[in-house]
Protein backbone atom coordinates (compact mmCIF):
# COMPACT_ATOMS: atom_id res chain seq x y z
CA UNK A 1 -0.15 0.02 -0.03
CA UNK A 2 1.34 3.53 -0.99
CA UNK A 3 2.25 6.02 1.94
CA UNK A 4 -1.13 8.11 2.51
CA UNK A 5 0.21 11.75 2.93
CA UNK A 6 -1.36 14.96 3.86
CA UNK A 7 -3.17 15.38 0.67
CA UNK A 8 -4.32 11.85 0.92
CA UNK A 9 -5.85 12.58 4.35
CA UNK A 10 -7.23 16.13 3.39
CA UNK A 11 -9.32 14.19 0.52
CA UNK A 12 -10.46 11.57 2.62
CA UNK A 13 -11.38 13.60 5.32
CA UNK A 14 -12.74 16.31 3.13
CA UNK A 15 -11.27 19.54 4.44
CA UNK A 16 -8.06 21.58 3.01
CA UNK A 17 -4.89 20.53 3.24
CA UNK A 18 -4.08 23.83 5.19
CA UNK A 19 -6.99 22.38 7.71
CA UNK A 20 -4.58 19.22 7.72
CA UNK A 21 -1.94 21.63 8.37
CA UNK A 22 -3.05 23.45 11.08
CA UNK A 23 -4.56 20.19 13.04
CA UNK A 24 -0.92 18.99 13.00
CA UNK A 25 0.95 22.32 13.97
CA UNK A 26 -1.75 24.67 15.57
CA UNK A 27 -4.77 22.38 16.67
CA UNK A 28 -6.17 25.39 19.15
CA UNK A 29 -7.03 27.26 15.70
CA UNK A 30 -9.72 24.05 14.39
CA UNK A 31 -12.68 23.62 15.98
CA UNK A 32 -12.66 20.33 18.05
CA UNK A 33 -15.57 18.48 15.77
CA UNK A 34 -12.94 18.98 12.84
CA UNK A 35 -9.85 18.12 14.72
CA UNK A 36 -11.70 14.92 16.12
CA UNK A 37 -12.81 14.14 12.55
CA UNK A 38 -9.43 14.55 11.18
CA UNK A 39 -8.16 12.32 13.39
CA UNK A 40 -10.77 9.56 13.00
CA UNK A 41 -9.97 9.77 9.36
CA UNK A 42 -6.33 9.56 9.78
CA UNK A 43 -6.60 6.47 11.65
CA UNK A 44 -9.09 4.81 9.11
CA UNK A 45 -6.80 5.23 6.20
CA UNK A 46 -3.18 4.56 7.64
CA UNK A 47 -2.00 8.32 7.87
CA UNK A 48 1.57 8.10 8.34
CA UNK A 49 1.78 10.53 10.54
CA UNK A 50 -1.08 9.56 13.00
CA UNK A 51 1.04 9.64 16.24
CA UNK A 52 2.03 13.12 15.65
CA UNK A 53 -1.37 14.01 14.85
CA UNK A 54 -2.93 12.10 18.09
CA UNK A 55 -0.51 14.11 20.27
CA UNK A 56 -1.25 17.14 18.41
CA UNK A 57 -5.20 16.72 19.26
CA UNK A 58 -4.84 15.69 22.50
CA UNK A 59 -3.18 18.97 23.20
CA UNK A 60 -6.36 20.51 21.90
CA UNK A 61 -8.43 18.48 24.19
CA UNK A 62 -9.50 19.31 27.58
CA UNK A 63 -7.87 17.84 30.46
CA UNK A 64 -9.44 15.51 33.07
CA UNK A 65 -7.71 14.19 35.99
CA UNK A 66 -10.37 11.45 37.70
CA UNK A 67 -9.90 9.58 40.58
CA UNK A 68 -11.80 6.26 41.33
CA UNK A 69 -11.75 3.77 44.40
CA UNK A 70 -13.26 0.41 43.92
CA UNK A 71 -13.33 -2.38 46.23
CA UNK A 72 -10.76 -5.36 46.28
CA UNK A 73 -8.74 -6.03 42.94
CA UNK A 74 -9.12 -9.78 43.69
CA UNK A 75 -12.64 -9.75 43.27
CA UNK A 76 -13.80 -10.86 39.67
CA UNK A 77 -16.64 -8.51 39.33
CA UNK A 78 -14.45 -5.13 40.45
CA UNK A 79 -11.53 -6.02 38.09
CA UNK A 80 -13.86 -6.25 35.55
CA UNK A 81 -15.43 -3.13 36.37
CA UNK A 82 -12.04 -1.41 36.54
CA UNK A 83 -10.72 -2.62 33.12
CA UNK A 84 -14.36 -1.19 31.49
CA UNK A 85 -13.27 1.96 33.16
CA UNK A 86 -9.62 2.02 31.68
CA UNK A 87 -10.62 1.40 28.32
CA UNK A 88 -13.93 3.98 28.58
CA UNK A 89 -11.04 6.62 29.97
CA UNK A 90 -8.67 5.37 26.66
CA UNK A 91 -11.17 6.05 24.10
CA UNK A 92 -12.79 9.12 25.05
CA UNK A 93 -12.09 10.88 22.31
CA UNK A 94 -13.70 14.29 22.98
CA UNK A 95 -11.29 14.91 26.00
CA UNK A 96 -8.35 13.60 27.56
CA UNK A 97 -8.90 11.49 30.59
CA UNK A 98 -6.27 10.97 33.12
CA UNK A 99 -7.46 8.55 35.20
CA UNK A 100 -5.96 7.28 38.72
CA UNK A 101 -7.96 3.88 39.43
CA UNK A 102 -7.07 2.44 42.68
CA UNK A 103 -8.62 -1.01 44.37
CA UNK A 104 -8.78 -0.90 48.09
CA UNK A 105 -8.06 -4.21 49.90
CA UNK A 106 -8.69 -2.26 53.34
CA UNK A 107 -12.74 -1.32 53.21
CA UNK A 108 -12.42 0.25 56.94
CA UNK A 109 -14.11 3.52 56.83
CA UNK A 110 -10.76 5.03 58.07
CA UNK A 111 -8.70 3.78 55.13
CA UNK A 112 -11.79 4.66 52.70
CA UNK A 113 -11.95 7.92 54.04
CA UNK A 114 -8.11 8.57 53.86
CA UNK A 115 -7.48 7.75 50.70
CA UNK A 116 -10.71 9.55 49.53
CA UNK A 117 -8.99 12.68 51.05
CA UNK A 118 -5.33 11.94 49.22
CA UNK A 119 -7.16 11.64 45.85
CA UNK A 120 -9.35 14.40 45.94
CA UNK A 121 -6.13 16.41 46.67
CA UNK A 122 -4.80 14.88 43.17
CA UNK A 123 -7.76 15.04 40.99
CA UNK A 124 -10.43 16.99 39.33
CA UNK A 125 -13.34 14.94 40.55
CA UNK A 126 -13.45 11.46 42.71
CA UNK A 127 -15.90 8.56 42.28
CA UNK A 128 -15.80 5.49 44.95
CA UNK A 129 -17.66 2.51 45.88
CA UNK A 130 -18.06 3.00 49.74
CA UNK A 131 -20.48 1.79 52.49
CA UNK A 132 -22.55 4.47 54.24
CA UNK A 133 -20.58 5.62 57.63
CA UNK A 134 -20.04 9.06 59.15
CA UNK A 135 -16.25 9.10 58.52
CA UNK A 136 -16.79 8.75 54.83
CA UNK A 137 -19.15 11.64 54.84
CA UNK A 138 -17.30 13.85 56.60
CA UNK A 139 -14.24 12.83 53.91
CA UNK A 140 -16.77 13.74 51.08
CA UNK A 141 -17.49 16.98 52.74
CA UNK A 142 -13.71 17.78 53.02
CA UNK A 143 -13.07 16.99 49.48
CA UNK A 144 -16.24 19.00 48.21
CA UNK A 145 -15.35 21.99 50.37
CA UNK A 146 -11.94 21.91 48.47
CA UNK A 147 -14.12 22.44 45.04
CA UNK A 148 -13.55 18.74 44.37
CA UNK A 149 -17.16 16.86 43.54
CA UNK A 150 -17.90 13.49 44.44
CA UNK A 151 -19.60 10.57 42.77
CA UNK A 152 -20.90 7.47 44.45
CA UNK A 153 -21.07 4.40 42.34
CA UNK A 154 -23.21 1.36 43.07
CA UNK A 155 -24.25 2.33 46.54
CA UNK A 156 -25.72 5.65 46.96
CA UNK A 157 -24.00 7.82 49.19
CA UNK A 158 -25.09 11.22 51.49
CA UNK A 159 -23.28 13.89 53.26
CA UNK A 160 -23.94 17.37 53.46
CA UNK A 161 -22.14 18.18 50.34
CA UNK A 162 -24.06 17.07 47.20
CA UNK A 163 -23.01 13.43 46.42
CA UNK A 164 -23.58 12.39 42.61
CA UNK A 165 -24.82 8.71 41.86
CA UNK A 166 -24.18 5.91 39.12
CA UNK A 167 -25.64 2.78 39.53
CA UNK A 168 -28.77 0.64 39.70
CA UNK A 169 -32.28 1.70 40.97
CA UNK A 170 -31.86 -0.71 43.41
CA UNK A 171 -35.41 -1.15 44.77
CA UNK A 172 -36.06 -2.52 41.26
CA UNK A 173 -33.76 -4.52 41.33
CA UNK A 174 -35.18 -6.06 44.67
CA UNK A 175 -38.73 -6.39 43.24
CA UNK A 176 -37.28 -8.12 40.14
CA UNK A 177 -35.37 -10.84 42.18
CA UNK A 178 -38.88 -11.24 44.20
CA UNK A 179 -40.66 -11.83 41.13
CA UNK A 180 -38.36 -14.30 39.64
CA UNK A 181 -38.55 -16.23 43.33
CA UNK A 182 -42.57 -15.75 42.86
CA UNK A 183 -42.32 -17.20 39.32
CA UNK A 184 -40.13 -20.10 39.79
CA UNK A 185 -40.36 -21.73 43.40
CA UNK A 186 -43.60 -24.27 43.21
CA UNK A 187 -44.21 -23.95 46.95
CA UNK A 188 -43.52 -20.57 48.85
CA UNK A 189 -41.46 -20.84 51.97
CA UNK A 190 -38.27 -19.30 53.68
CA UNK A 191 -35.98 -17.55 51.71
CA UNK A 192 -32.32 -16.70 53.03
CA UNK A 193 -30.87 -13.11 52.22
CA UNK A 194 -27.54 -12.32 52.17
CA UNK A 195 -25.74 -8.61 51.99
CA UNK A 196 -22.09 -7.87 52.04
CA UNK A 197 -22.93 -4.97 55.01
CA UNK A 198 -25.77 -3.60 56.29
CA UNK A 199 -24.56 -0.28 55.68
CA UNK A 200 -24.30 -0.54 51.44
CA UNK A 201 -27.48 1.74 50.97
CA UNK A 202 -27.90 -0.18 47.84
CA UNK A 203 -28.12 -3.54 49.30
CA UNK A 204 -30.61 -2.31 51.93
CA UNK A 205 -32.78 -0.64 49.01
CA UNK A 206 -32.55 -4.43 47.53
CA UNK A 207 -34.26 -5.76 50.86
CA UNK A 208 -36.59 -3.29 50.71
CA UNK A 209 -37.62 -3.75 47.05
CA UNK A 210 -37.53 -7.59 47.76
CA UNK A 211 -40.00 -7.27 50.76
CA UNK A 212 -42.07 -4.86 49.15
CA UNK A 213 -43.24 -7.51 46.23
CA UNK A 214 -43.82 -10.00 48.79
CA UNK A 215 -46.19 -7.76 50.86
CA UNK A 216 -48.05 -7.15 47.61
CA UNK A 217 -48.32 -10.41 45.55
CA UNK A 218 -47.38 -13.20 47.82
CA UNK A 219 -47.28 -13.25 51.63
CA UNK A 220 -46.74 -17.13 51.71
CA UNK A 221 -43.28 -16.38 51.47
CA UNK A 222 -41.52 -15.77 54.64
CA UNK A 223 -38.56 -13.32 54.14
CA UNK A 224 -35.83 -14.17 56.68
CA UNK A 225 -33.36 -11.23 57.86
CA UNK A 226 -30.71 -10.91 55.95
CA UNK A 227 -27.02 -11.72 57.16
CA UNK A 228 -24.03 -9.94 56.28
CA UNK A 229 -21.04 -11.43 54.60
CA UNK A 230 -18.76 -8.32 54.92
CA UNK A 231 -17.80 -8.99 51.37
CA UNK A 232 -16.04 -12.27 52.65
CA UNK A 233 -16.54 -15.46 50.26
CA UNK A 234 -15.55 -17.27 53.61
CA UNK A 235 -17.87 -15.94 55.87
CA UNK A 236 -20.57 -16.14 52.83
CA UNK A 237 -20.30 -19.88 53.09
CA UNK A 238 -20.48 -19.97 56.76
CA UNK A 239 -23.55 -18.16 56.41
CA UNK A 240 -25.22 -20.51 53.92
CA UNK A 241 -24.49 -23.65 55.92
CA UNK A 242 -26.02 -21.88 58.90
CA UNK A 243 -29.16 -21.16 57.11
CA UNK A 244 -29.51 -25.08 55.58
CA UNK A 245 -28.79 -26.35 59.38
CA UNK A 246 -31.03 -23.96 60.97
CA UNK A 247 -33.80 -23.69 58.24
CA UNK A 248 -33.91 -27.05 56.48
CA UNK A 249 -37.05 -26.36 54.67
CA UNK A 250 -35.43 -23.04 52.98
CA UNK A 251 -36.81 -22.73 49.66
CA UNK A 252 -34.77 -20.03 48.13
CA UNK A 253 -31.58 -17.74 48.51
CA UNK A 254 -31.03 -14.51 47.23
CA UNK A 255 -27.14 -13.26 47.30
CA UNK A 256 -27.70 -9.49 47.44
CA UNK A 257 -24.14 -8.48 48.39
CA UNK A 258 -20.38 -9.52 48.16
CA UNK A 259 -18.95 -13.01 48.73
CA UNK A 260 -20.84 -15.31 46.54
CA UNK A 261 -18.35 -17.70 45.55
CA UNK A 262 -18.36 -18.72 48.90
CA UNK A 263 -22.25 -19.00 48.79
CA UNK A 264 -21.76 -21.16 45.53
CA UNK A 265 -19.41 -23.39 47.33
CA UNK A 266 -22.10 -24.06 50.12
CA UNK A 267 -25.11 -24.37 47.59
CA UNK A 268 -23.07 -27.07 45.67
CA UNK A 269 -21.99 -28.92 48.75
CA UNK A 270 -25.51 -29.00 50.12
CA UNK A 271 -26.77 -30.82 46.82
CA UNK A 272 -29.37 -29.78 44.11
CA UNK A 273 -32.96 -29.92 45.37
CA UNK A 274 -35.85 -29.25 42.59
CA UNK A 275 -37.63 -26.99 45.09
CA UNK A 276 -34.70 -24.85 45.51
CA UNK A 277 -34.02 -21.50 44.06
CA UNK A 278 -30.97 -19.45 44.24
CA UNK A 279 -30.44 -15.90 42.39
CA UNK A 280 -27.31 -14.34 42.36
CA UNK A 281 -25.77 -10.57 41.75
CA UNK A 282 -23.13 -9.68 38.69
CA UNK A 283 -22.23 -12.16 35.82
CA UNK A 284 -18.65 -13.04 36.15
CA UNK A 285 -16.83 -16.74 35.52
CA UNK A 286 -17.94 -17.80 38.70
CA UNK A 287 -21.66 -17.11 38.44
CA UNK A 288 -21.85 -18.07 34.78
CA UNK A 289 -20.63 -21.38 35.68
CA UNK A 290 -23.28 -21.48 38.39
CA UNK A 291 -25.96 -20.80 35.90
CA UNK A 292 -24.74 -23.46 33.48
CA UNK A 293 -24.71 -26.24 36.37
CA UNK A 294 -27.79 -24.81 37.91
CA UNK A 295 -26.76 -23.68 41.13
CA UNK A 296 -27.91 -20.36 39.95
CA UNK A 297 -31.46 -19.83 38.10
CA UNK A 298 -30.93 -16.35 37.89
CA UNK A 299 -28.16 -13.45 37.77
CA UNK A 300 -28.92 -9.57 38.05
CA UNK A 301 -26.21 -7.68 36.89
CA UNK A 302 -24.37 -4.24 36.09
CA UNK A 303 -24.04 -3.30 32.22
CA UNK A 304 -20.00 -2.94 32.75
CA UNK A 305 -19.78 -0.89 29.46
CA UNK A 306 -22.41 1.26 29.81
CA UNK A 307 -21.72 1.65 33.92
CA UNK A 308 -18.10 2.71 32.68
CA UNK A 309 -19.10 5.18 29.90
CA UNK A 310 -21.54 6.71 32.26
CA UNK A 311 -19.17 7.00 35.03
CA UNK A 312 -16.86 9.04 33.24
CA UNK A 313 -19.36 11.38 31.41
CA UNK A 314 -20.88 12.09 35.07
CA UNK A 315 -17.48 12.62 36.30
CA UNK A 316 -16.56 15.05 33.76
CA UNK A 317 -20.04 17.03 33.85
CA UNK A 318 -19.58 17.14 37.92
CA UNK A 319 -16.26 18.77 37.44
CA UNK A 320 -17.08 21.15 35.09
CA UNK A 321 -20.37 22.17 37.18
CA UNK A 322 -18.53 22.07 40.59
CA UNK A 323 -19.67 20.75 43.76
CA UNK A 324 -22.06 23.27 44.39
CA UNK A 325 -24.01 22.82 41.12
CA UNK A 326 -26.53 20.22 42.58
CA UNK A 327 -25.86 16.15 42.62
CA UNK A 328 -26.70 13.63 39.55
CA UNK A 329 -28.34 10.97 39.23
CA UNK A 330 -27.59 8.06 36.69
CA UNK A 331 -30.14 4.98 36.84
CA UNK A 332 -29.03 2.19 34.51
CA UNK A 333 -31.19 -0.79 33.67
CA UNK A 334 -29.64 -3.81 34.83
CA UNK A 335 -28.89 -7.05 32.86
CA UNK A 336 -30.71 -10.53 33.81
CA UNK A 337 -29.21 -13.84 32.87
CA UNK A 338 -30.29 -17.40 33.15
CA UNK A 339 -28.67 -20.43 31.44
CA UNK A 340 -30.62 -19.86 28.38
CA UNK A 341 -28.53 -16.16 27.57
CA UNK A 342 -25.32 -16.49 28.79
């Protein structure tokens, strides 16, 4: 193939040669839409100066320094979410996104609050997954007071300052899970519920929606008090074992929080029962395998690519608006998986 020249690029992009030269040498003098169009065309035709063009266009982009705190990197869901957010930041063509994404193994309020404040000192906007706690609320207030907006991911957070949110409508998630139990369980009975931590507001709303459905549609089910796994697989396994021991007539299990791999191990150990239904949260290798072998009947999951896109968009808008503009609330639709559509 012949080497694509500036003249070839100008023709392919339907702009003048002088416009291409200005994009290369003086990008601020060219409208952003035109800069991005020329760059995209250069990539399509294999323009020899693509690297130079990318650096030039990047200089003309608005730069956003975004910080994100996620839970443990050893958990498949958060690895997947972090990867999706990194990809979205890299391919964000309209802006230059400098991303500082960190996985926290220590989820104690003291550590989360300290890392939030430190990240807020280095970034234009900060987003995090966290449990509701006074120390974290205080840290949000400190960061916001410095002019840096805060966005809650997955679990809503409240503080004196405005806190935006990107995640699911957890009340609807809970009612959807309840609908599934109501339609799949042959003989209504006891259903166990696992949550990661009672301070995660999304999981509390899951439970609220879950119970509200049964109060409205089928009071034959008895919803047991939720058990906290503290995001630990070992604890989740122990909780499920206790449920089967204390309630041999258990007809279902709703895993609304962390530690699902431990819960799956306990379910498999207990053996399959035709009159038992388990529903989990988030699709990754372990839950996909559980759908295939019948350990789980259904999984409700965040759409990771959409979640990542909305996270970056919301953080950029929050940065531009400032912490005093008002909180944004972005409620995503969720995915539902069974053994038939994975």
